[in-house]
PDB file of N, CA and C in Angstrom:
ATOM      1  N   MET A   1     -12.205   7.588   0.655  1.00  0.00           N
ATOM      2  CA  MET A   1     -10.835   7.140   0.671  1.00  0.00           C
ATOM      3  C   MET A   1      -9.968   8.330   1.061  1.00  0.00           C
ATOM      4  N   ASP A   2      -9.056   8.117   2.034  1.00  0.00           N
ATOM      5  CA  ASP A   2      -8.231   9.246   2.440  1.00  0.00           C
ATOM      6  C   ASP A   2      -7.179   9.563   1.371  1.00  0.00           C
ATOM      7  N   ASN A   3      -6.661  10.752   1.454  1.00  0.00           N
ATOM      8  CA  ASN A   3      -5.760  11.285   0.431  1.00  0.00           C
ATOM      9  C   ASN A   3      -4.484  10.455   0.271  1.00  0.00           C
ATOM     10  N   GLU A   4      -3.860  10.073   1.389  1.00  0.00           N
ATOM     11  CA  GLU A   4      -2.626   9.286   1.338  1.00  0.00           C
ATOM     12  C   GLU A   4      -2.872   7.940   0.660  1.00  0.00           C
ATOM     13  N   ARG A   5      -3.949   7.277   1.061  1.00  0.00           N
ATOM     14  CA  ARG A   5      -4.287   5.970   0.487  1.00  0.00           C
ATOM     15  C   ARG A   5      -4.566   6.090  -1.009  1.00  0.00           C
ATOM     16  N   GLU A   6      -5.370   7.063  -1.379  1.00  0.00           N
ATOM     17  CA  GLU A   6      -5.725   7.243  -2.778  1.00  0.00           C
ATOM     18  C   GLU A   6      -4.484   7.530  -3.627  1.00  0.00           C
ATOM     19  N   HIS A   7      -3.609   8.387  -3.128  1.00  0.00           N
ATOM     20  CA  HIS A   7      -2.388   8.711  -3.860  1.00  0.00           C
ATOM     21  C   HIS A   7      -1.516   7.466  -4.030  1.00  0.00           C
ATOM     22  N   TRP A   8      -1.340   6.691  -2.960  1.00  0.00           N
ATOM     23  CA  TRP A   8      -0.504   5.493  -3.019  1.00  0.00           C
ATOM     24  C   TRP A   8      -1.081   4.487  -4.010  1.00  0.00           C
ATOM     25  N   ILE A   9      -2.397   4.250  -3.950  1.00  0.00           N
ATOM     26  CA  ILE A   9      -3.036   3.281  -4.841  1.00  0.00           C
ATOM     27  C   ILE A   9      -2.946   3.753  -6.291  1.00  0.00           C
ATOM     28  N   ASN A  10      -3.187   5.037  -6.541  1.00  0.00           N
ATOM     29  CA  ASN A  10      -3.051   5.564  -7.905  1.00  0.00           C
ATOM     30  C   ASN A  10      -1.645   5.337  -8.450  1.00  0.00           C
ATOM     31  N   SER A  11      -0.646   5.671  -7.652  1.00  0.00           N
ATOM     32  CA  SER A  11       0.743   5.519  -8.087  1.00  0.00           C
ATOM     33  C   SER A  11       1.093   4.061  -8.329  1.00  0.00           C
ATOM     34  N   LYS A  12       0.678   3.193  -7.423  1.00  0.00           N
ATOM     35  CA  LYS A  12       0.984   1.767  -7.553  1.00  0.00           C
ATOM     36  C   LYS A  12       0.265   1.168  -8.753  1.00  0.00           C
ATOM     37  N   ALA A  13      -0.996   1.499  -8.945  1.00  0.00           N
ATOM     38  CA  ALA A  13      -1.753   0.977 -10.082  1.00  0.00           C
ATOM     39  C   ALA A  13      -1.120   1.423 -11.395  1.00  0.00           C
ATOM     40  N   TYR A  14      -0.661   2.662 -11.451  1.00  0.00           N
ATOM     41  CA  TYR A  14       0.003   3.170 -12.651  1.00  0.00           C
ATOM     42  C   TYR A  14       1.296   2.403 -12.912  1.00  0.00           C
ATOM     43  N   ALA A  15       2.068   2.164 -11.861  1.00  0.00           N
ATOM     44  CA  ALA A  15       3.317   1.410 -12.006  1.00  0.00           C
ATOM     45  C   ALA A  15       3.039  -0.021 -12.482  1.00  0.00           C
ATOM     46  N   LEU A  16       2.012  -0.638 -11.946  1.00  0.00           N
ATOM     47  CA  LEU A  16       1.647  -2.000 -12.371  1.00  0.00           C
ATOM     48  C   LEU A  16       1.246  -2.007 -13.844  1.00  0.00           C
ATOM     49  N   TRP A  17       0.504  -0.997 -14.255  1.00  0.00           N
ATOM     50  CA  TRP A  17       0.066  -0.876 -15.650  1.00  0.00           C
ATOM     51  C   TRP A  17       1.275  -0.727 -16.572  1.00  0.00           C
ATOM     52  N   GLU A  18       2.222   0.123 -16.171  1.00  0.00           N
ATOM     53  CA  GLU A  18       3.428   0.300 -16.979  1.00  0.00           C
ATOM     54  C   GLU A  18       4.241  -0.985 -17.046  1.00  0.00           C
ATOM     55  N   GLU A  19       4.398  -1.678 -15.908  1.00  0.00           N
ATOM     56  CA  GLU A  19       5.151  -2.931 -15.867  1.00  0.00           C
ATOM     57  C   GLU A  19       4.526  -3.995 -16.764  1.00  0.00           C
ATOM     58  N   ALA A  20       3.217  -3.937 -16.914  1.00  0.00           N
ATOM     59  CA  ALA A  20       2.499  -4.921 -17.728  1.00  0.00           C
ATOM     60  C   ALA A  20       2.514  -4.558 -19.211  1.00  0.00           C
ATOM     61  N   GLY A  21       3.180  -3.461 -19.563  1.00  0.00           N
ATOM     62  CA  GLY A  21       3.248  -3.061 -20.962  1.00  0.00           C
ATOM     63  C   GLY A  21       2.122  -2.149 -21.407  1.00  0.00           C
ATOM     64  N   ARG A  22       1.467  -1.491 -20.445  1.00  0.00           N
ATOM     65  CA  ARG A  22       0.380  -0.541 -20.706  1.00  0.00           C
ATOM     66  C   ARG A  22      -0.790  -1.143 -21.495  1.00  0.00           C
ATOM     67  N   PRO A  23      -1.288  -2.279 -21.057  1.00  0.00           N
ATOM     68  CA  PRO A  23      -2.399  -2.900 -21.789  1.00  0.00           C
ATOM     69  C   PRO A  23      -3.697  -2.104 -21.626  1.00  0.00           C
ATOM     70  N   GLU A  24      -4.480  -2.066 -22.668  1.00  0.00           N
ATOM     71  CA  GLU A  24      -5.782  -1.387 -22.608  1.00  0.00           C
ATOM     72  C   GLU A  24      -6.788  -2.265 -21.863  1.00  0.00           C
ATOM     73  N   GLY A  25      -7.679  -1.617 -21.140  1.00  0.00           N
ATOM     74  CA  GLY A  25      -8.770  -2.322 -20.481  1.00  0.00           C
ATOM     75  C   GLY A  25      -8.396  -3.081 -19.225  1.00  0.00           C
ATOM     76  N   GLN A  26      -7.200  -2.862 -18.683  1.00  0.00           N
ATOM     77  CA  GLN A  26      -6.769  -3.598 -17.484  1.00  0.00           C
ATOM     78  C   GLN A  26      -6.701  -2.715 -16.242  1.00  0.00           C
ATOM     79  N   HIS A  27      -7.206  -1.483 -16.350  1.00  0.00           N
ATOM     80  CA  HIS A  27      -7.076  -0.552 -15.233  1.00  0.00           C
ATOM     81  C   HIS A  27      -7.723  -1.060 -13.955  1.00  0.00           C
ATOM     82  N   ARG A  28      -8.856  -1.728 -14.062  1.00  0.00           N
ATOM     83  CA  ARG A  28      -9.543  -2.228 -12.862  1.00  0.00           C
ATOM     84  C   ARG A  28      -8.700  -3.302 -12.164  1.00  0.00           C
ATOM     85  N   ASN A  29      -8.061  -4.178 -12.954  1.00  0.00           N
ATOM     86  CA  ASN A  29      -7.211  -5.221 -12.362  1.00  0.00           C
ATOM     87  C   ASN A  29      -6.031  -4.611 -11.613  1.00  0.00           C
ATOM     88  N   HIS A  30      -5.411  -3.603 -12.211  1.00  0.00           N
ATOM     89  CA  HIS A  30      -4.266  -2.965 -11.568  1.00  0.00           C
ATOM     90  C   HIS A  30      -4.698  -2.191 -10.327  1.00  0.00           C
ATOM     91  N   TRP A  31      -5.831  -1.531 -10.405  1.00  0.00           N
ATOM     92  CA  TRP A  31      -6.350  -0.794  -9.247  1.00  0.00           C
ATOM     93  C   TRP A  31      -6.653  -1.775  -8.095  1.00  0.00           C
ATOM     94  N   THR A  32      -7.288  -2.893  -8.435  1.00  0.00           N
ATOM     95  CA  THR A  32      -7.624  -3.896  -7.413  1.00  0.00           C
ATOM     96  C   THR A  32      -6.363  -4.450  -6.771  1.00  0.00           C
ATOM     97  N   GLN A  33      -5.361  -4.773  -7.586  1.00  0.00           N
ATOM     98  CA  GLN A  33      -4.116  -5.302  -7.051  1.00  0.00           C
ATOM     99  C   GLN A  33      -3.440  -4.284  -6.133  1.00  0.00           C
ATOM    100  N   ALA A  34      -3.400  -3.032  -6.554  1.00  0.00           N
ATOM    101  CA  ALA A  34      -2.803  -1.976  -5.730  1.00  0.00           C
ATOM    102  C   ALA A  34      -3.573  -1.806  -4.423  1.00  0.00           C
ATOM    103  N   ASP A  35      -4.892  -1.840  -4.481  1.00  0.00           N
ATOM    104  CA  ASP A  35      -5.726  -1.712  -3.290  1.00  0.00           C
ATOM    105  C   ASP A  35      -5.463  -2.866  -2.326  1.00  0.00           C
ATOM    106  N   GLU A  36      -5.352  -4.078  -2.853  1.00  0.00           N
ATOM    107  CA  GLU A  36      -5.071  -5.245  -2.007  1.00  0.00           C
ATOM    108  C   GLU A  36      -3.704  -5.129  -1.354  1.00  0.00           C
ATOM    109  N   GLU A  37      -2.714  -4.630  -2.096  1.00  0.00           N
ATOM    110  CA  GLU A  37      -1.383  -4.446  -1.522  1.00  0.00           C
ATOM    111  C   GLU A  37      -1.419  -3.407  -0.406  1.00  0.00           C
ATOM    112  N   TRP A  38      -2.153  -2.313  -0.616  1.00  0.00           N
ATOM    113  CA  TRP A  38      -2.294  -1.289   0.431  1.00  0.00           C
ATOM    114  C   TRP A  38      -2.883  -1.914   1.696  1.00  0.00           C
ATOM    115  N   GLU A  39      -3.926  -2.697   1.524  1.00  0.00           N
ATOM    116  CA  GLU A  39      -4.577  -3.323   2.681  1.00  0.00           C
ATOM    117  C   GLU A  39      -3.617  -4.246   3.423  1.00  0.00           C
ATOM    118  N   LYS A  40      -2.854  -5.047   2.697  1.00  0.00           N
ATOM    119  CA  LYS A  40      -1.894  -5.958   3.343  1.00  0.00           C
ATOM    120  C   LYS A  40      -0.842  -5.185   4.123  1.00  0.00           C
ATOM    121  N   ILE A  41      -0.326  -4.133   3.511  1.00  0.00           N
ATOM    122  CA  ILE A  41       0.697  -3.314   4.182  1.00  0.00           C
ATOM    123  C   ILE A  41       0.130  -2.703   5.455  1.00  0.00           C
ATOM    124  N   ASN A  42      -1.075  -2.186   5.381  1.00  0.00           N
ATOM    125  CA  ASN A  42      -1.647  -1.510   6.545  1.00  0.00           C
ATOM    126  C   ASN A  42      -2.159  -2.469   7.600  1.00  0.00           C
ATOM    127  N   GLN A  43      -2.533  -3.662   7.237  1.00  0.00           N
ATOM    128  CA  GLN A  43      -2.893  -4.667   8.240  1.00  0.00           C
ATOM    129  C   GLN A  43      -1.653  -5.050   9.031  1.00  0.00           C
ATOM    130  N   ALA A  44      -0.520  -5.168   8.350  1.00  0.00           N
ATOM    131  CA  ALA A  44       0.726  -5.504   9.033  1.00  0.00           C
ATOM    132  C   ALA A  44       1.153  -4.387   9.978  1.00  0.00           C
ATOM    133  N   ARG A  45       0.869  -3.144   9.586  1.00  0.00           N
ATOM    134  CA  ARG A  45       1.261  -2.005  10.420  1.00  0.00           C
ATOM    135  C   ARG A  45       0.540  -2.001  11.756  1.00  0.00           C
ATOM    136  N   ILE A  46      -0.684  -2.514  11.811  1.00  0.00           N
ATOM    137  CA  ILE A  46      -1.471  -2.427  13.034  1.00  0.00           C
ATOM    138  C   ILE A  46      -1.717  -3.777  13.699  1.00  0.00           C
ATOM    139  N   SER A  47      -1.146  -4.842  13.137  1.00  0.00           N
ATOM    140  CA  SER A  47      -1.379  -6.157  13.723  1.00  0.00           C
ATOM    141  C   SER A  47      -0.618  -6.285  15.041  1.00  0.00           C
ATOM    142  N   PRO A  48      -1.110  -7.106  15.956  1.00  0.00           N
ATOM    143  CA  PRO A  48      -0.398  -7.315  17.220  1.00  0.00           C
ATOM    144  C   PRO A  48       1.014  -7.835  16.995  1.00  0.00           C
ATOM    145  N   ALA A  49       1.203  -8.687  15.996  1.00  0.00           N
ATOM    146  CA  ALA A  49       2.538  -9.210  15.713  1.00  0.00           C
ATOM    147  C   ALA A  49       3.481  -8.086  15.303  1.00  0.00           C
ATOM    148  N   ALA A  50       3.008  -7.161  14.495  1.00  0.00           N
ATOM    149  CA  ALA A  50       3.836  -6.031  14.076  1.00  0.00           C
ATOM    150  C   ALA A  50       4.114  -5.106  15.252  1.00  0.00           C
ATOM    151  N   ALA A  51       3.154  -4.939  16.124  1.00  0.00           N
ATOM    152  CA  ALA A  51       3.325  -4.049  17.265  1.00  0.00           C
ATOM    153  C   ALA A  51       4.420  -4.554  18.197  1.00  0.00           C
ATOM    154  N   ASN A  52       4.606  -5.864  18.293  1.00  0.00           N
ATOM    155  CA  ASN A  52       5.615  -6.436  19.178  1.00  0.00           C
ATOM    156  C   ASN A  52       7.036  -6.195  18.686  1.00  0.00           C
ATOM    157  N   VAL A  53       7.208  -5.781  17.460  1.00  0.00           N
ATOM    158  CA  VAL A  53       8.526  -5.539  16.900  1.00  0.00           C
ATOM    159  C   VAL A  53       9.132  -4.257  17.460  1.00  0.00           C
ATOM    160  N   PHE A  54       8.312  -3.322  17.879  1.00  0.00           N
ATOM    161  CA  PHE A  54       8.770  -2.016  18.299  1.00  0.00           C
ATOM    162  C   PHE A  54       8.814  -1.899  19.818  1.00  0.00           C
ATOM    163  N   ASP A  55       9.783  -1.114  20.283  1.00  0.00           N
ATOM    164  CA  ASP A  55       9.844  -0.796  21.704  1.00  0.00           C
ATOM    165  C   ASP A  55       8.756   0.208  22.025  1.00  0.00           C
ATOM    166  N   GLU A  56       8.431   0.324  23.279  1.00  0.00           N
ATOM    167  CA  GLU A  56       7.372   1.249  23.674  1.00  0.00           C
ATOM    168  C   GLU A  56       7.702   2.683  23.300  1.00  0.00           C
ATOM    169  N   GLY A  57       8.973   3.059  23.241  1.00  0.00           N
ATOM    170  CA  GLY A  57       9.361   4.423  22.920  1.00  0.00           C
ATOM    171  C   GLY A  57       9.347   4.740  21.431  1.00  0.00           C
ATOM    172  N   ASP A  58       9.264   3.712  20.599  1.00  0.00           N
ATOM    173  CA  ASP A  58       9.255   3.939  19.157  1.00  0.00           C
ATOM    174  C   ASP A  58       7.940   4.564  18.722  1.00  0.00           C
ATOM    175  N   LYS A  59       7.996   5.314  17.646  1.00  0.00           N
ATOM    176  CA  LYS A  59       6.809   5.953  17.090  1.00  0.00           C
ATOM    177  C   LYS A  59       6.615   5.460  15.672  1.00  0.00           C
ATOM    178  N   TRP A  60       5.367   5.287  15.270  1.00  0.00           N
ATOM    179  CA  TRP A  60       5.063   4.852  13.902  1.00  0.00           C
ATOM    180  C   TRP A  60       5.603   5.862  12.900  1.00  0.00           C
ATOM    181  N   GLU A  61       5.622   7.149  13.256  1.00  0.00           N
ATOM    182  CA  GLU A  61       6.075   8.176  12.334  1.00  0.00           C
ATOM    183  C   GLU A  61       7.539   7.990  11.968  1.00  0.00           C
ATOM    184  N   ASP A  62       8.313   7.333  12.865  1.00  0.00           N
ATOM    185  CA  ASP A  62       9.744   7.121  12.610  1.00  0.00           C
ATOM    186  C   ASP A  62      10.002   5.918  11.713  1.00  0.00           C
ATOM    187  N   CYS A  63       8.976   5.150  11.424  1.00  0.00           N
ATOM    188  CA  CYS A  63       9.130   3.935  10.637  1.00  0.00           C
ATOM    189  C   CYS A  63       8.959   4.245   9.143  1.00  0.00           C
ATOM    190  N   PRO A  64       9.584   3.453   8.273  1.00  0.00           N
ATOM    191  CA  PRO A  64       9.401   3.658   6.830  1.00  0.00           C
ATOM    192  C   PRO A  64       7.935   3.494   6.450  1.00  0.00           C
ATOM    193  N   GLN A  65       7.472   4.340   5.570  1.00  0.00           N
ATOM    194  CA  GLN A  65       6.090   4.290   5.123  1.00  0.00           C
ATOM    195  C   GLN A  65       6.014   3.682   3.735  1.00  0.00           C
ATOM    196  N   PRO A  66       4.878   3.048   3.399  1.00  0.00           N
ATOM    197  CA  PRO A  66       4.734   2.461   2.062  1.00  0.00           C
ATOM    198  C   PRO A  66       4.668   3.525   0.984  1.00  0.00           C
TER     199      PRO A  66
END
């Protein structure tokens, strides 16, 4: 797992855990949910439909990141 992805998933899973009231034994569920959200975000970033939103001169680096 690359560093950016791992950091994002860790942070998101922690936030989900806190939002849920810090329940014990739910870390795998929060990690899975965060991982699925990462995948959805990144599929949208590279999908042909998403690519059509940008002009040829635009760069992915200039776009907001998750």
